[in-house]
Amino acid sequence: MQRYRVEIIQYTNNQNKIFSDCNSITFINSGASNALIGAYVIAPGAFLSVPGNFSEIDVTQYSLSFSGAGANNLTVIRKMYV
């Protein structure tokens, strides 16, 4: 049996480095402006999920920026092995 924990973080400002270091990561735009993960646009209310297979670890460094008017709010959910 593989043990894991779930971490939930909210961002309201641009971030040069969001470290994944996890099995799966989900980005949820819960704000009113567009959120960009790299060049991928996540519209308000939409999400981007990067799942992993058993025993895989994603080591990507993601960048976050916001565009457009409205409140900035991106929720990041990471599944991390312990």
Protein backbone atom coordinates (compact mmCIF):
# COMPACT_ATOMS: atom_id res chain seq x y z
CA MET A 1 0.00 0.00 0.00
CA GLN A 2 1.37 3.42 -1.00
CA ARG A 3 0.70 6.27 1.44
CA TYR A 4 0.05 9.80 0.18
CA ARG A 5 -1.22 13.16 1.36
CA VAL A 6 -3.15 15.90 -0.42
CA GLU A 7 -1.97 19.50 -0.28
CA ILE A 8 -4.20 22.43 -1.29
CA ILE A 9 -2.71 25.89 -1.89
CA GLN A 10 -4.28 29.09 -3.21
CA TYR A 11 -2.40 31.70 -5.23
CA THR A 12 -3.55 35.27 -5.91
CA ASN A 13 -0.32 36.62 -7.44
CA ASN A 14 1.90 35.62 -10.35
CA GLN A 15 4.41 32.90 -9.48
CA ASN A 16 7.59 32.10 -11.41
CA LYS A 17 7.92 28.66 -9.85
CA ILE A 18 5.21 26.34 -8.60
CA PHE A 19 7.02 23.11 -7.79
CA SER A 20 5.02 19.97 -8.41
CA ASP A 21 7.15 17.19 -6.82
CA CYS A 22 3.99 15.10 -6.63
CA ASN A 23 2.12 12.26 -8.30
CA SER A 24 -0.71 14.41 -9.69
CA ILE A 25 -1.49 18.11 -9.74
CA THR A 26 -4.69 20.02 -10.51
CA PHE A 27 -5.03 23.75 -11.16
CA ILE A 28 -8.51 25.23 -10.59
CA ASN A 29 -9.26 28.81 -11.59
CA SER A 30 -11.62 29.95 -8.85
CA GLY A 31 -11.12 33.63 -9.68
CA ALA A 32 -12.63 36.00 -12.24
CA SER A 33 -9.55 36.58 -14.46
CA ASN A 34 -7.79 34.12 -16.75
CA ALA A 35 -4.99 32.06 -15.18
CA LEU A 36 -2.09 30.95 -17.36
CA ILE A 37 -0.01 27.89 -16.50
CA GLY A 38 2.89 28.42 -18.85
CA ALA A 39 1.08 29.24 -22.11
CA TYR A 40 -2.06 27.24 -21.25
CA VAL A 41 -5.05 29.49 -20.45
CA ILE A 42 -7.45 28.37 -17.74
CA ALA A 43 -10.68 30.37 -17.93
CA PRO A 44 -12.59 31.28 -14.76
CA GLY A 45 -14.33 28.18 -13.41
CA ALA A 46 -12.20 25.79 -15.50
CA PHE A 47 -9.33 23.52 -14.46
CA LEU A 48 -6.23 21.73 -15.72
CA SER A 49 -5.38 18.30 -14.31
CA VAL A 50 -2.08 16.46 -14.80
CA PRO A 51 -2.56 12.91 -13.46
CA GLY A 52 0.22 10.45 -12.70
CA ASN A 53 0.49 6.70 -12.82
CA PHE A 54 1.33 4.61 -9.76
CA SER A 55 4.79 5.44 -8.35
CA GLU A 56 5.40 8.34 -10.77
CA ILE A 57 6.58 11.74 -9.53
CA ASP A 58 6.05 14.91 -11.60
CA VAL A 59 9.06 17.21 -11.14
CA THR A 60 7.87 20.04 -13.41
CA GLN A 61 8.27 23.66 -12.33
CA TYR A 62 5.11 25.44 -13.47
CA SER A 63 4.77 29.20 -13.92
CA LEU A 64 1.55 31.06 -13.14
CA SER A 65 0.35 34.41 -14.42
CA PHE A 66 -3.03 36.11 -14.47
CA SER A 67 -4.56 38.20 -17.27
CA GLY A 68 -7.70 40.25 -17.60
CA ALA A 69 -9.80 42.14 -15.10
CA GLY A 70 -11.25 40.65 -11.96
CA ALA A 71 -10.04 38.79 -8.90
CA ASN A 72 -7.03 36.47 -9.23
CA ASN A 73 -7.43 33.13 -7.49
CA LEU A 74 -5.93 29.81 -8.50
CA THR A 75 -6.28 26.70 -6.33
CA VAL A 76 -3.59 24.03 -6.69
CA ILE A 77 -4.20 20.50 -5.44
CA ARG A 78 -1.23 18.13 -5.24
CA LYS A 79 -1.22 14.41 -4.44
CA MET A 80 2.10 13.67 -2.76
CA TYR A 81 3.58 10.36 -1.65
CA VAL A 82 4.83 10.20 1.95
